[in-house]
């Protein structure tokens, strides 16, 4: 660990203190070959526990800290089962409602997990992971033993690399998570007073490094499964299945199989969505995730991610600056920073007139511009409230001729959005060309490379949004010229 973010367990142990839980687990794999060998053993364990593993499924090492992936060594038709897990193999968080059958130490885990904010759900299951790692003869040891011993999530970045992300919403989250881990480890230190027989980590002290490892292991590997009732289950670790990498066009998906006996009804299967050719990597869709979430929870980003967005806070002064950059005069409307009362009323309906979380708006994603931002600018550019009386608020948040206040209003909106995009783009400290040059340096550390890749995807996203807005503006002008 380097820089300002310290999530390690290198502190000296006080006399009489409990042993510290190692950050990377009790067993390490010294090479890619041994890691793959461990995964082969995991395949055998899954089968021994009543699961199914397709004979043509092989584990490959990616060469990164994320470890391994799954590859088909034979052709496989659509609809074929690749992996089946019986209910006892997935590792969920203990259910507090079953306290009567839980070991006392598991009850302590449930109590501790309740102190973790819901947004850090991965830490809750991470406590269960640390609990099982500390137990002698844990049922899940064959799985836990092959988990990666390091991750490229930003909580493990150096202070320099965190700042290199150059995107406030993510750097804020990284620092927030790091602070939580440091504070939570201090809370867990109070467990030293517990007798070892009910200590959830077998008497070992869990520091911020171990907590960070567990949270990273869970956030990058756990699944939340919807059953046939579409009820969202708690997150769970799915051994072997969690080696499937991500794709927005996956070749497989997870199904729940209820055809088994009543004692083990919830079987999870990985089934092919299309024909697989020999050599194909098995992929699942982790969900419509932005690069913010992919970086924070998985440690990677996707170029040209269709679900990526730029997050910013709505502010009248910012919109006024965007209007000025676009070279627009004020015409008959008041300054955006001091809207008329009828405009304020409409903005309140959008949740954009008061401070708070509701003021977050975005650029990017399938819709290109946050609907509330689009509606707000149409309202702000309106010279009177009369044209808006014919428009429902929902309509103002959508693209299309029927949603426009007028063609002149729409042009001003598009130009203001272009000005806003220019402001966002110019806030980055480096250019696209400088980032591309940096990435060409083969000696660049992996975490530094990921940080640069992330900020580069954000800049390219802004460029794509600006190109789309300019095309809309040209199309609008072309239509208007046709009717003149």
Protein backbone atom coordinates (compact mmCIF):
# COMPACT_ATOMS: atom_id res chain seq x y z
CA UNK A 1 0.00 0.00 0.00
CA UNK A 2 1.28 3.44 -0.88
CA UNK A 3 0.26 7.02 -0.33
CA UNK A 4 -2.41 8.40 1.94
CA UNK A 5 -4.83 5.45 1.92
CA UNK A 6 -3.68 2.95 4.54
CA UNK A 7 -5.57 -0.32 4.58
CA UNK A 8 -2.82 -2.64 5.73
CA UNK A 9 -2.12 -4.64 8.86
CA UNK A 10 1.49 -3.65 9.41
CA UNK A 11 0.96 -2.05 12.83
CA UNK A 12 2.94 -3.53 15.69
CA UNK A 13 0.88 -5.84 17.92
CA UNK A 14 0.63 -4.78 21.54
CA UNK A 15 1.72 -7.27 24.22
CA UNK A 16 -1.10 -9.64 25.00
CA UNK A 17 -3.18 -8.56 21.99
CA UNK A 18 -4.96 -11.09 19.82
CA UNK A 19 -3.33 -12.31 16.62
CA UNK A 20 -4.31 -10.35 13.55
CA UNK A 21 -6.20 -11.95 10.72
CA UNK A 22 -3.95 -11.87 7.62
CA UNK A 23 -5.29 -9.64 4.87
CA UNK A 24 -4.85 -12.25 2.18
CA UNK A 25 -6.01 -15.36 4.01
CA UNK A 26 -4.23 -18.26 5.60
CA UNK A 27 -3.23 -19.84 2.32
CA UNK A 28 -1.71 -18.11 -0.71
CA UNK A 29 -1.15 -19.34 -4.23
CA UNK A 30 2.33 -18.63 -5.44
CA UNK A 31 1.64 -18.81 -9.16
CA UNK A 32 -1.05 -18.78 -11.81
CA UNK A 33 -0.66 -22.53 -12.22
CA UNK A 34 -1.40 -23.21 -8.57
CA UNK A 35 -4.39 -20.85 -8.70
CA UNK A 36 -5.85 -22.79 -11.61
CA UNK A 37 -5.13 -26.04 -9.79
CA UNK A 38 -7.10 -24.74 -6.83
CA UNK A 39 -10.00 -23.96 -9.14
CA UNK A 40 -9.89 -27.48 -10.57
CA UNK A 41 -10.23 -28.70 -6.97
CA UNK A 42 -13.17 -26.31 -6.59
CA UNK A 43 -14.87 -27.94 -9.57
CA UNK A 44 -14.46 -31.28 -7.86
CA UNK A 45 -15.82 -29.88 -4.60
CA UNK A 46 -18.91 -28.51 -6.38
CA UNK A 47 -19.57 -31.92 -7.91
CA UNK A 48 -18.96 -33.70 -4.59
CA UNK A 49 -21.57 -31.45 -2.97
CA UNK A 50 -24.24 -32.48 -5.47
CA UNK A 51 -23.58 -29.84 -8.10
CA UNK A 52 -22.90 -30.20 -11.81
CA UNK A 53 -19.93 -28.90 -13.80
CA UNK A 54 -19.85 -29.36 -17.57
CA UNK A 55 -16.83 -31.44 -18.56
CA UNK A 56 -15.84 -28.93 -21.23
CA UNK A 57 -15.58 -26.06 -18.74
CA UNK A 58 -12.01 -25.01 -18.02
CA UNK A 59 -10.51 -22.37 -15.79
CA UNK A 60 -8.02 -19.92 -17.29
CA UNK A 61 -5.88 -17.33 -15.57
CA UNK A 62 -6.27 -13.81 -16.88
CA UNK A 63 -2.88 -12.62 -15.68
CA UNK A 64 -4.47 -9.81 -13.64
CA UNK A 65 -5.07 -9.59 -9.93
CA UNK A 66 -8.68 -10.58 -10.57
CA UNK A 67 -7.42 -14.07 -11.28
CA UNK A 68 -9.47 -16.40 -13.39
CA UNK A 69 -12.23 -16.85 -15.92
CA UNK A 70 -14.18 -19.76 -17.40
CA UNK A 71 -13.73 -20.96 -20.98
CA UNK A 72 -15.51 -23.56 -23.12
CA UNK A 73 -13.08 -26.14 -24.52
CA UNK A 74 -15.77 -27.64 -26.77
CA UNK A 75 -18.71 -26.38 -28.78
CA UNK A 76 -21.92 -26.18 -26.76
CA UNK A 77 -25.48 -25.55 -28.04
CA UNK A 78 -27.86 -22.88 -26.79
CA UNK A 79 -29.85 -23.86 -23.71
CA UNK A 80 -27.16 -26.14 -22.29
CA UNK A 81 -26.37 -26.20 -18.58
CA UNK A 82 -22.79 -25.29 -17.71
CA UNK A 83 -22.90 -25.21 -13.89
CA UNK A 84 -25.51 -26.22 -11.33
CA UNK A 85 -25.24 -25.31 -7.65
CA UNK A 86 -27.47 -26.89 -5.00
CA UNK A 87 -28.82 -24.62 -2.30
CA UNK A 88 -26.16 -25.55 0.24
CA UNK A 89 -23.23 -24.33 -1.89
CA UNK A 90 -23.99 -20.58 -2.20
CA UNK A 91 -22.72 -18.65 0.82
CA UNK A 92 -25.31 -16.12 2.10
CA UNK A 93 -25.33 -13.89 5.13
CA UNK A 94 -26.79 -15.73 8.17
CA UNK A 95 -30.49 -15.01 8.60
CA UNK A 96 -31.13 -13.29 11.97
CA UNK A 97 -34.64 -14.79 11.95
CA UNK A 98 -32.99 -18.20 12.38
CA UNK A 99 -31.08 -17.09 15.47
CA UNK A 100 -32.16 -20.22 17.35
CA UNK A 101 -30.12 -22.46 15.05
CA UNK A 102 -27.14 -20.15 14.65
CA UNK A 103 -23.90 -20.66 16.51
CA UNK A 104 -23.33 -17.92 19.13
CA UNK A 105 -20.46 -16.52 17.10
CA UNK A 106 -22.71 -16.30 14.02
CA UNK A 107 -25.22 -14.38 16.09
CA UNK A 108 -22.49 -11.88 16.85
CA UNK A 109 -21.82 -11.57 13.10
CA UNK A 110 -25.49 -10.72 12.49
CA UNK A 111 -25.41 -8.09 15.23
CA UNK A 112 -22.25 -6.50 13.82
CA UNK A 113 -23.65 -6.55 10.27
CA UNK A 114 -26.61 -4.46 11.41
CA UNK A 115 -24.18 -1.60 12.10
CA UNK A 116 -23.12 -1.49 8.45
CA UNK A 117 -24.99 1.00 6.19
CA UNK A 118 -27.17 -0.63 3.53
CA UNK A 119 -25.16 1.04 0.77
CA UNK A 120 -22.15 -1.00 1.93
CA UNK A 121 -24.03 -4.30 1.65
CA UNK A 122 -20.81 -5.99 0.50
CA UNK A 123 -19.30 -5.42 3.94
CA UNK A 124 -22.22 -7.23 5.55
CA UNK A 125 -21.58 -10.39 3.55
CA UNK A 126 -17.85 -9.73 3.89
CA UNK A 127 -18.18 -10.27 7.63
CA UNK A 128 -19.61 -13.72 6.93
CA UNK A 129 -16.67 -14.38 4.60
CA UNK A 130 -14.18 -13.38 7.31
CA UNK A 131 -16.09 -15.52 9.81
CA UNK A 132 -15.84 -18.61 7.60
CA UNK A 133 -12.19 -17.92 6.81
CA UNK A 134 -11.39 -17.96 10.52
CA UNK A 135 -13.21 -21.24 11.24
CA UNK A 136 -11.27 -24.50 11.27
CA UNK A 137 -12.81 -26.91 8.80
CA UNK A 138 -15.19 -24.37 7.28
CA UNK A 139 -17.55 -25.94 4.75
CA UNK A 140 -16.61 -23.21 2.29
CA UNK A 141 -12.83 -23.46 2.72
CA UNK A 142 -12.25 -25.04 -0.74
CA UNK A 143 -13.89 -21.92 -2.17
CA UNK A 144 -12.37 -19.34 0.18
CA UNK A 145 -8.89 -20.75 -0.35
CA UNK A 146 -8.88 -19.85 -4.05
CA UNK A 147 -10.22 -16.28 -3.75
CA UNK A 148 -7.80 -13.64 -5.09
CA UNK A 149 -5.44 -12.36 -2.43
CA UNK A 150 -5.43 -8.83 -3.85
CA UNK A 151 -7.84 -6.60 -5.75
CA UNK A 152 -7.59 -3.50 -7.92
CA UNK A 153 -10.51 -1.70 -6.33
CA UNK A 154 -9.87 2.00 -5.58
CA UNK A 155 -9.89 1.47 -1.79
CA UNK A 156 -6.47 -0.09 -2.35
CA UNK A 157 -5.17 2.69 -4.60
CA UNK A 158 -2.43 5.01 -3.44
CA UNK A 159 -3.42 8.58 -2.61
CA UNK A 160 -1.87 9.69 -5.90
CA UNK A 161 -3.89 7.16 -7.91
CA UNK A 162 -7.12 8.14 -6.15
CA UNK A 163 -6.56 11.75 -7.13
CA UNK A 164 -5.69 10.60 -10.68
CA UNK A 165 -9.28 9.37 -11.06
CA UNK A 166 -10.08 13.10 -11.39
CA UNK A 167 -13.82 12.65 -10.94
CA UNK A 168 -15.29 13.97 -7.70
CA UNK A 169 -18.30 11.60 -7.30
CA UNK A 170 -16.01 8.56 -7.35
CA UNK A 171 -13.11 9.96 -5.33
CA UNK A 172 -15.65 11.03 -2.71
CA UNK A 173 -17.01 7.47 -2.51
CA UNK A 174 -13.51 5.96 -2.31
CA UNK A 175 -12.52 8.20 0.58
CA UNK A 176 -15.86 7.57 2.29
CA UNK A 177 -15.35 3.80 2.08
CA UNK A 178 -11.78 4.07 3.35
CA UNK A 179 -12.91 6.13 6.33
CA UNK A 180 -15.62 3.58 7.07
CA UNK A 181 -13.15 0.69 7.02
CA UNK A 182 -10.79 2.47 9.40
CA UNK A 183 -13.60 3.42 11.78
CA UNK A 184 -15.29 0.01 11.60
CA UNK A 185 -12.03 -1.79 12.38
CA UNK A 186 -11.80 0.32 15.55
CA UNK A 187 -15.31 -0.83 16.50
CA UNK A 188 -14.40 -4.47 15.90
CA UNK A 189 -11.39 -4.08 18.20
CA UNK A 190 -13.91 -4.03 21.05
CA UNK A 191 -14.63 -7.70 20.32
CA UNK A 192 -11.36 -8.59 22.06
CA UNK A 193 -13.28 -8.74 25.31
CA UNK A 194 -15.39 -11.65 24.03
CA UNK A 195 -14.49 -15.23 25.02
CA UNK A 196 -12.76 -16.97 22.15
CA UNK A 197 -15.52 -19.59 21.84
CA UNK A 198 -18.04 -16.93 20.78
CA UNK A 199 -15.59 -14.58 19.08
CA UNK A 200 -16.75 -14.40 15.41
CA UNK A 201 -13.21 -14.47 14.06
CA UNK A 202 -11.84 -17.19 16.34
CA UNK A 203 -10.06 -14.65 18.51
CA UNK A 204 -8.25 -12.92 15.66
CA UNK A 205 -8.26 -9.14 15.35
CA UNK A 206 -9.69 -7.97 12.04
CA UNK A 207 -8.09 -4.73 10.90
CA UNK A 208 -9.04 -2.36 8.05
CA UNK A 209 -6.96 -4.33 5.56
CA UNK A 210 -8.82 -7.57 6.24
CA UNK A 211 -12.14 -5.72 6.11
CA UNK A 212 -11.17 -4.13 2.80
CA UNK A 213 -10.18 -7.51 1.36
CA UNK A 214 -13.50 -9.05 2.39
CA UNK A 215 -15.58 -6.14 1.08
CA UNK A 216 -13.68 -6.24 -2.23
CA UNK A 217 -14.08 -10.01 -2.55
CA UNK A 218 -17.83 -9.72 -2.04
CA UNK A 219 -18.53 -6.60 -4.12
CA UNK A 220 -16.62 -8.03 -7.08
CA UNK A 221 -18.02 -11.56 -6.88
CA UNK A 222 -21.38 -11.72 -5.07
CA UNK A 223 -24.76 -11.97 -6.79
CA UNK A 224 -28.25 -10.91 -5.86
CA UNK A 225 -30.63 -13.50 -7.23
CA UNK A 226 -34.29 -12.97 -8.16
CA UNK A 227 -36.39 -16.07 -7.57
CA UNK A 228 -39.50 -17.17 -9.46
CA UNK A 229 -41.53 -14.77 -7.32
CA UNK A 230 -39.14 -12.02 -8.46
CA UNK A 231 -38.37 -11.38 -4.79
CA UNK A 232 -34.82 -10.11 -4.35
CA UNK A 233 -32.78 -12.45 -2.18
CA UNK A 234 -29.93 -11.24 -0.03
CA UNK A 235 -26.53 -11.19 -1.69
CA UNK A 236 -24.68 -14.46 -1.78
CA UNK A 237 -21.36 -15.83 -2.97
CA UNK A 238 -21.75 -18.36 -5.79
CA UNK A 239 -18.63 -20.55 -5.94
CA UNK A 240 -17.37 -21.25 -9.48
CA UNK A 241 -20.21 -19.22 -11.03
CA UNK A 242 -18.47 -16.06 -9.81
CA UNK A 243 -15.58 -16.79 -12.16
CA UNK A 244 -17.76 -15.82 -15.12
CA UNK A 245 -16.66 -12.44 -16.42
CA UNK A 246 -18.95 -9.56 -17.36
CA UNK A 247 -20.42 -8.63 -20.73
CA UNK A 248 -23.35 -6.45 -21.75
CA UNK A 249 -23.92 -9.09 -24.46
CA UNK A 250 -23.46 -12.24 -22.35
CA UNK A 251 -23.52 -15.75 -23.74
CA UNK A 252 -24.97 -17.24 -20.53
CA UNK A 253 -27.35 -16.36 -17.72
CA UNK A 254 -28.35 -17.64 -14.29
CA UNK A 255 -31.60 -19.53 -13.83
CA UNK A 256 -33.29 -20.87 -10.72
CA UNK A 257 -34.14 -24.56 -11.08
CA UNK A 258 -37.12 -25.67 -8.99
CA UNK A 259 -37.27 -29.19 -10.42
CA UNK A 260 -35.37 -30.78 -7.53
CA UNK A 261 -36.78 -32.33 -4.39
CA UNK A 262 -38.38 -30.16 -1.74
CA UNK A 263 -35.33 -30.39 0.54
CA UNK A 264 -33.12 -28.58 -1.96
CA UNK A 265 -35.47 -26.68 -4.24
CA UNK A 266 -33.36 -23.66 -5.00
CA UNK A 267 -30.77 -24.88 -7.48
CA UNK A 268 -28.98 -22.20 -9.46
CA UNK A 269 -27.89 -22.96 -12.98
CA UNK A 270 -25.72 -21.21 -15.54
CA UNK A 271 -27.30 -21.84 -18.96
CA UNK A 272 -26.06 -20.81 -22.41
CA UNK A 273 -28.07 -18.08 -24.16
CA UNK A 274 -26.67 -18.95 -27.58
CA UNK A 275 -24.43 -21.52 -29.21
CA UNK A 276 -20.89 -21.45 -27.80
CA UNK A 277 -17.84 -22.13 -29.88
CA UNK A 278 -14.72 -23.79 -28.57
CA UNK A 279 -12.55 -21.18 -26.84
CA UNK A 280 -15.43 -18.87 -25.89
CA UNK A 281 -15.21 -17.19 -22.48
CA UNK A 282 -18.33 -17.75 -20.38
CA UNK A 283 -19.87 -14.36 -19.62
CA UNK A 284 -22.76 -13.04 -17.54
CA UNK A 285 -24.33 -9.59 -17.47
CA UNK A 286 -23.66 -8.05 -14.05
CA UNK A 287 -26.34 -5.45 -14.76
CA UNK A 288 -26.68 -2.01 -16.43
CA UNK A 289 -23.79 -0.60 -14.40
CA UNK A 290 -22.00 2.68 -14.96
CA UNK A 291 -18.21 2.80 -14.95
CA UNK A 292 -18.46 4.46 -11.54
CA UNK A 293 -19.96 1.28 -10.05
CA UNK A 294 -17.76 -1.03 -12.10
CA UNK A 295 -14.66 0.74 -10.81
CA UNK A 296 -15.81 1.01 -7.19
CA UNK A 297 -17.11 -2.55 -6.86
CA UNK A 298 -15.22 -4.57 -9.47
CA UNK A 299 -12.00 -2.67 -10.18
CA UNK A 300 -12.37 -2.28 -13.96
CA UNK A 301 -14.04 0.00 -16.50
CA UNK A 302 -15.58 -0.61 -19.92
CA UNK A 303 -14.78 1.69 -22.86
CA UNK A 304 -17.92 3.03 -24.58
CA UNK A 305 -20.09 1.73 -21.72
CA UNK A 306 -23.69 2.47 -22.87
CA UNK A 307 -24.79 2.82 -19.24
CA UNK A 308 -22.08 5.24 -18.18
CA UNK A 309 -22.99 8.75 -17.08
CA UNK A 310 -21.41 11.98 -15.88
CA UNK A 311 -22.91 13.03 -12.58
CA UNK A 312 -23.24 16.70 -11.68
CA UNK A 313 -25.26 18.79 -9.27
CA UNK A 314 -27.97 20.99 -10.72
CA UNK A 315 -27.27 24.64 -9.99
CA UNK A 316 -28.82 27.73 -11.53
CA UNK A 317 -25.49 29.53 -11.66
CA UNK A 318 -23.91 26.59 -13.48
CA UNK A 319 -26.72 26.62 -16.04
CA UNK A 320 -26.29 30.38 -16.44
CA UNK A 321 -22.57 29.87 -17.14
CA UNK A 322 -23.44 27.17 -19.69
CA UNK A 323 -25.85 29.56 -21.41
CA UNK A 324 -23.17 32.25 -21.58
CA UNK A 325 -20.56 29.84 -22.96
CA UNK A 326 -23.08 28.90 -25.66
CA UNK A 327 -23.19 32.58 -26.64
CA UNK A 328 -26.89 32.99 -25.87
CA UNK A 329 -28.41 36.29 -24.87
CA UNK A 330 -30.98 36.29 -22.08
CA UNK A 331 -33.95 37.41 -24.24
CA UNK A 332 -37.08 37.81 -22.09
CA UNK A 333 -36.31 35.16 -19.46
CA UNK A 334 -34.75 36.04 -16.07
CA UNK A 335 -31.25 34.83 -15.09
CA UNK A 336 -31.15 31.08 -14.48
CA UNK A 337 -29.68 31.76 -11.03
CA UNK A 338 -32.78 33.84 -10.14
CA UNK A 339 -35.73 32.22 -11.95
CA UNK A 340 -39.24 33.65 -11.89
CA UNK A 341 -41.69 32.32 -9.32
CA UNK A 342 -43.61 30.28 -11.90
CA UNK A 343 -40.31 28.71 -13.02
CA UNK A 344 -39.39 27.92 -9.41
CA UNK A 345 -42.74 26.16 -9.00
CA UNK A 346 -41.99 23.93 -11.99
CA UNK A 347 -38.43 23.28 -10.81
CA UNK A 348 -39.79 22.26 -7.41
CA UNK A 349 -41.96 19.68 -9.13
CA UNK A 350 -38.77 18.31 -10.69
CA UNK A 351 -37.03 18.26 -7.31
CA UNK A 352 -34.46 20.80 -8.50
CA UNK A 353 -35.36 23.91 -6.53
CA UNK A 354 -33.98 22.80 -3.15
CA UNK A 355 -30.58 21.58 -2.04
CA UNK A 356 -30.00 17.87 -1.41
CA UNK A 357 -29.44 14.54 -3.11
CA UNK A 358 -32.36 15.19 -5.49
CA UNK A 359 -30.30 17.82 -7.29
CA UNK A 360 -28.03 15.24 -8.89
CA UNK A 361 -28.48 15.12 -12.66
CA UNK A 362 -26.54 13.32 -15.34
CA UNK A 363 -25.24 13.44 -18.89
CA UNK A 364 -24.86 10.18 -20.79
CA UNK A 365 -26.57 6.82 -20.62
CA UNK A 366 -29.15 5.66 -23.17
CA UNK A 367 -31.14 8.89 -22.76
CA UNK A 368 -28.02 11.13 -23.26
CA UNK A 369 -29.41 13.86 -20.98
CA UNK A 370 -31.15 13.43 -17.63
CA UNK A 371 -34.85 14.06 -18.25
CA UNK A 372 -35.12 16.44 -15.30
CA UNK A 373 -32.21 18.51 -16.61
CA UNK A 374 -33.79 18.65 -20.06
CA UNK A 375 -37.12 19.78 -18.59
CA UNK A 376 -35.42 22.35 -16.34
CA UNK A 377 -33.68 24.02 -19.27
CA UNK A 378 -36.89 24.10 -21.31
CA UNK A 379 -38.55 25.82 -18.35
CA UNK A 380 -35.70 28.27 -17.81
CA UNK A 381 -35.57 29.24 -21.49
CA UNK A 382 -39.33 29.83 -21.65
CA UNK A 383 -40.14 33.54 -21.82
CA UNK A 384 -43.52 33.04 -20.16
CA UNK A 385 -45.48 30.25 -18.55
CA UNK A 386 -48.18 30.18 -21.23
CA UNK A 387 -46.40 27.70 -23.57
CA UNK A 388 -45.70 25.42 -20.58
CA UNK A 389 -49.36 25.22 -19.62
CA UNK A 390 -49.89 22.91 -22.59
CA UNK A 391 -47.04 20.61 -21.53
CA UNK A 392 -47.13 17.91 -18.88
CA UNK A 393 -43.97 17.69 -16.79
CA UNK A 394 -43.39 14.11 -17.97
CA UNK A 395 -43.51 15.27 -21.58
CA UNK A 396 -40.93 18.01 -20.93
CA UNK A 397 -38.47 15.35 -19.77
CA UNK A 398 -38.45 13.48 -23.09
CA UNK A 399 -36.97 14.07 -26.52
CA UNK A 400 -39.29 14.58 -29.46
CA UNK A 401 -41.23 17.24 -31.34
CA UNK A 402 -44.27 16.80 -29.11
CA UNK A 403 -42.11 17.57 -26.03
CA UNK A 404 -40.67 20.84 -27.32
CA UNK A 405 -41.90 24.17 -25.99
CA UNK A 406 -40.99 25.68 -29.38
CA UNK A 407 -38.24 25.18 -31.96
CA UNK A 408 -36.49 28.36 -30.79
CA UNK A 409 -36.68 27.21 -27.17
CA UNK A 410 -35.32 23.79 -28.17
CA UNK A 411 -32.34 25.32 -29.99
CA UNK A 412 -31.47 27.36 -26.93
CA UNK A 413 -31.77 24.27 -24.74
CA UNK A 414 -29.47 22.25 -27.00
CA UNK A 415 -26.92 25.04 -27.17
CA UNK A 416 -26.98 25.42 -23.38
CA UNK A 417 -26.43 21.68 -22.99
CA UNK A 418 -23.45 21.94 -25.32
CA UNK A 419 -22.11 24.73 -23.12
CA UNK A 420 -22.63 22.55 -20.05
CA UNK A 421 -20.76 19.70 -21.73
CA UNK A 422 -17.86 22.07 -22.47
CA UNK A 423 -17.73 23.10 -18.80
CA UNK A 424 -17.67 19.47 -17.67
CA UNK A 425 -14.98 18.54 -20.18
CA UNK A 426 -12.72 21.44 -19.23
CA UNK A 427 -12.84 20.51 -15.55
CA UNK A 428 -10.59 17.52 -16.18
CA UNK A 429 -6.92 18.23 -15.48
CA UNK A 430 -5.59 16.32 -18.47
CA UNK A 431 -6.53 15.99 -22.13
CA UNK A 432 -7.57 12.87 -24.01
CA UNK A 433 -4.24 12.92 -25.85
CA UNK A 434 -2.28 13.10 -22.60
CA UNK A 435 -4.22 10.16 -21.15
CA UNK A 436 -3.68 8.07 -24.28
CA UNK A 437 0.05 8.81 -24.14
CA UNK A 438 0.17 7.80 -20.48
CA UNK A 439 -1.60 4.52 -21.18
CA UNK A 440 0.96 3.69 -23.87
CA UNK A 441 3.62 3.55 -21.13
CA UNK A 442 4.05 -0.18 -20.48
CA UNK A 443 5.72 0.49 -17.13
CA UNK A 444 2.58 2.18 -15.73
CA UNK A 445 1.38 0.45 -12.56
CA UNK A 446 -1.92 -1.42 -12.83
CA UNK A 447 -3.83 0.79 -10.40
CA UNK A 448 -2.48 3.92 -12.12
CA UNK A 449 -3.55 2.49 -15.47
CA UNK A 450 -7.09 1.83 -14.21
CA UNK A 451 -7.37 5.37 -12.83
CA UNK A 452 -6.31 6.86 -16.18
CA UNK A 453 -8.61 4.52 -18.12
CA UNK A 454 -11.52 5.62 -15.94
CA UNK A 455 -11.06 9.36 -16.45
CA UNK A 456 -10.47 8.76 -20.17
CA UNK A 457 -13.82 6.96 -20.49
CA UNK A 458 -15.51 9.97 -18.84
CA UNK A 459 -13.94 12.41 -21.29
CA UNK A 460 -14.89 10.29 -24.28
CA UNK A 461 -18.42 10.05 -22.88
CA UNK A 462 -18.68 13.85 -22.81
CA UNK A 463 -17.42 13.98 -26.40
CA UNK A 464 -20.07 11.46 -27.50
CA UNK A 465 -22.82 13.41 -25.75
CA UNK A 466 -21.66 16.67 -27.36
CA UNK A 467 -21.58 15.05 -30.81
CA UNK A 468 -25.12 13.75 -30.30
CA UNK A 469 -26.37 17.15 -29.10
CA UNK A 470 -24.80 18.88 -32.09
CA UNK A 471 -26.49 16.40 -34.42
CA UNK A 472 -29.84 17.09 -32.77
CA UNK A 473 -29.20 20.81 -33.21
CA UNK A 474 -28.35 20.39 -36.90
CA UNK A 475 -31.45 18.23 -37.46
CA UNK A 476 -33.61 20.83 -35.73
CA UNK A 477 -32.24 23.62 -37.88
CA UNK A 478 -32.70 21.54 -41.04
CA UNK A 479 -36.37 20.90 -40.22
CA UNK A 480 -36.93 24.53 -39.34
CA UNK A 481 -35.30 25.67 -42.62
CA UNK A 482 -37.53 23.30 -44.57
CA UNK A 483 -40.67 24.97 -43.28
CA UNK A 484 -39.46 28.56 -43.69
